[in-house]
Each structure stands twice: as structure tokens, then as C-alpha cells.
Amino acid sequence: MYIHLGKDVSVRVEDIIGIFDIDSTTTSYDTRLFLKKYEDENRVTNVSSDLPKAFVLCQYDDQPHLFISALSSSSLRKRVEV
């Protein structure tokens, strides 16, 4: 099964490692370092044309990859649970 993250990007549910709310997680210094590391390694794809609300960590092409989404983390979780 696939889940749509935004724009034209969908990922397999089996590849999702975690779904995180941007507002509540980026208050942590460690999370900001984590996001910066992935960005520096070109492992971040922004699929949001609006204000980002969540990021999804996936195993993508045999490496972890982050997708920034305008969909809320609760909406994305509901899509996974269907």
C-alpha cells in the first residue's frame, strides 16, 4: 500500500520509519541537528507547496530519506492506519 505525502510523491507504507510533527519536534536541538545533517547530505525532499507541518522518515532507495509535507502528522498517520 502507498501513502501520498504531497505534490506527486507517494511512498510505500512498509518504507515509513516514522511520522513526526514539525512544530513539536523541532524545538529540540538534537532534532534540528538531525534535520540539518540530512539536508547537508541531500536526503531531504520537500513535497510541500505550503507551510510544512510534518516530516516523514523513510527507507528510500536503501537509505533513510526525509520528506517534508504540508499534511499534518495526524492526517498522515490516519492514512497509514487505513
Protein backbone atom coordinates (compact mmCIF):
# COMPACT_ATOMS: atom_id res chain seq x y z
CA MET A 1 0.00 0.00 0.00
CA TYR A 2 1.15 3.55 -0.75
CA ILE A 3 0.60 6.82 1.08
CA HIS A 4 0.51 10.19 -0.67
CA LEU A 5 2.77 12.76 1.04
CA GLY A 6 2.18 15.76 -1.20
CA LYS A 7 2.77 17.05 -4.72
CA ASP A 8 3.37 13.92 -6.82
CA VAL A 9 5.15 11.89 -4.14
CA SER A 10 3.91 8.65 -2.64
CA VAL A 11 5.85 6.13 -0.59
CA ARG A 12 5.18 2.56 0.40
CA VAL A 13 3.78 2.24 3.91
CA GLU A 14 6.33 -0.51 4.61
CA ASP A 15 9.15 2.00 3.95
CA ILE A 16 7.97 4.50 6.59
CA ILE A 17 10.14 4.58 9.70
CA GLY A 18 8.34 7.44 11.43
CA ILE A 19 5.97 10.38 11.01
CA PHE A 20 6.80 13.49 13.04
CA ASP A 21 5.10 16.81 13.74
CA ILE A 22 7.45 19.65 12.77
CA ASP A 23 6.24 22.12 15.42
CA SER A 24 6.67 19.79 18.38
CA THR A 25 9.90 18.07 17.29
CA THR A 26 11.97 20.98 16.02
CA THR A 27 12.04 22.57 19.46
CA SER A 28 14.74 20.02 20.30
CA TYR A 29 18.32 20.93 19.43
CA ASP A 30 19.06 17.27 18.59
CA THR A 31 16.19 17.11 16.11
CA ARG A 32 17.37 20.31 14.42
CA LEU A 33 20.87 18.79 14.10
CA PHE A 34 19.34 15.60 12.69
CA LEU A 35 17.37 17.55 10.08
CA LYS A 36 20.41 19.68 9.19
CA LYS A 37 22.54 16.54 8.71
CA TYR A 38 20.01 15.03 6.32
CA GLU A 39 19.73 18.32 4.45
CA ASP A 40 23.54 18.57 4.11
CA GLU A 41 23.59 15.00 2.74
CA ASN A 42 20.86 15.81 0.18
CA ARG A 43 18.48 13.31 1.75
CA VAL A 44 15.55 15.72 2.19
CA THR A 45 12.74 16.20 -0.30
CA ASN A 46 10.24 18.99 0.26
CA VAL A 47 6.86 17.87 -1.07
CA SER A 48 5.11 20.85 0.49
CA SER A 49 3.95 23.82 -1.54
CA ASP A 50 2.52 25.30 1.66
CA LEU A 51 3.69 25.68 5.25
CA PRO A 52 5.32 22.37 6.28
CA LYS A 53 3.57 20.55 9.10
CA ALA A 54 5.25 17.15 9.25
CA PHE A 55 8.26 15.20 8.15
CA VAL A 56 8.30 11.54 7.26
CA LEU A 57 11.41 9.42 7.68
CA CYS A 58 11.52 6.60 5.15
CA GLN A 59 13.84 3.88 3.96
CA TYR A 60 14.11 5.08 0.36
CA ASP A 61 16.48 3.58 -2.23
CA ASP A 62 18.19 1.57 0.54
CA GLN A 63 18.97 4.72 2.54
CA PRO A 64 17.00 6.75 5.07
CA HIS A 65 15.36 9.80 3.48
CA LEU A 66 13.20 12.64 4.83
CA PHE A 67 10.12 14.03 3.16
CA ILE A 68 8.75 17.39 4.32
CA SER A 69 4.95 17.52 3.96
CA ALA A 70 2.23 20.16 4.29
CA LEU A 71 -0.10 17.45 5.60
CA SER A 72 -0.35 17.17 9.36
CA SER A 73 1.25 14.23 11.13
CA SER A 74 -2.19 13.10 12.39
CA SER A 75 -3.59 13.08 8.83
CA LEU A 76 -0.63 11.08 7.59
CA ARG A 77 -0.95 8.59 10.46
CA LYS A 78 -4.65 8.11 9.67
CA ARG A 79 -3.75 7.32 6.07
CA VAL A 80 -1.27 4.69 7.24
CA GLU A 81 -3.78 3.06 9.59
CA VAL A 82 -6.41 2.50 6.91
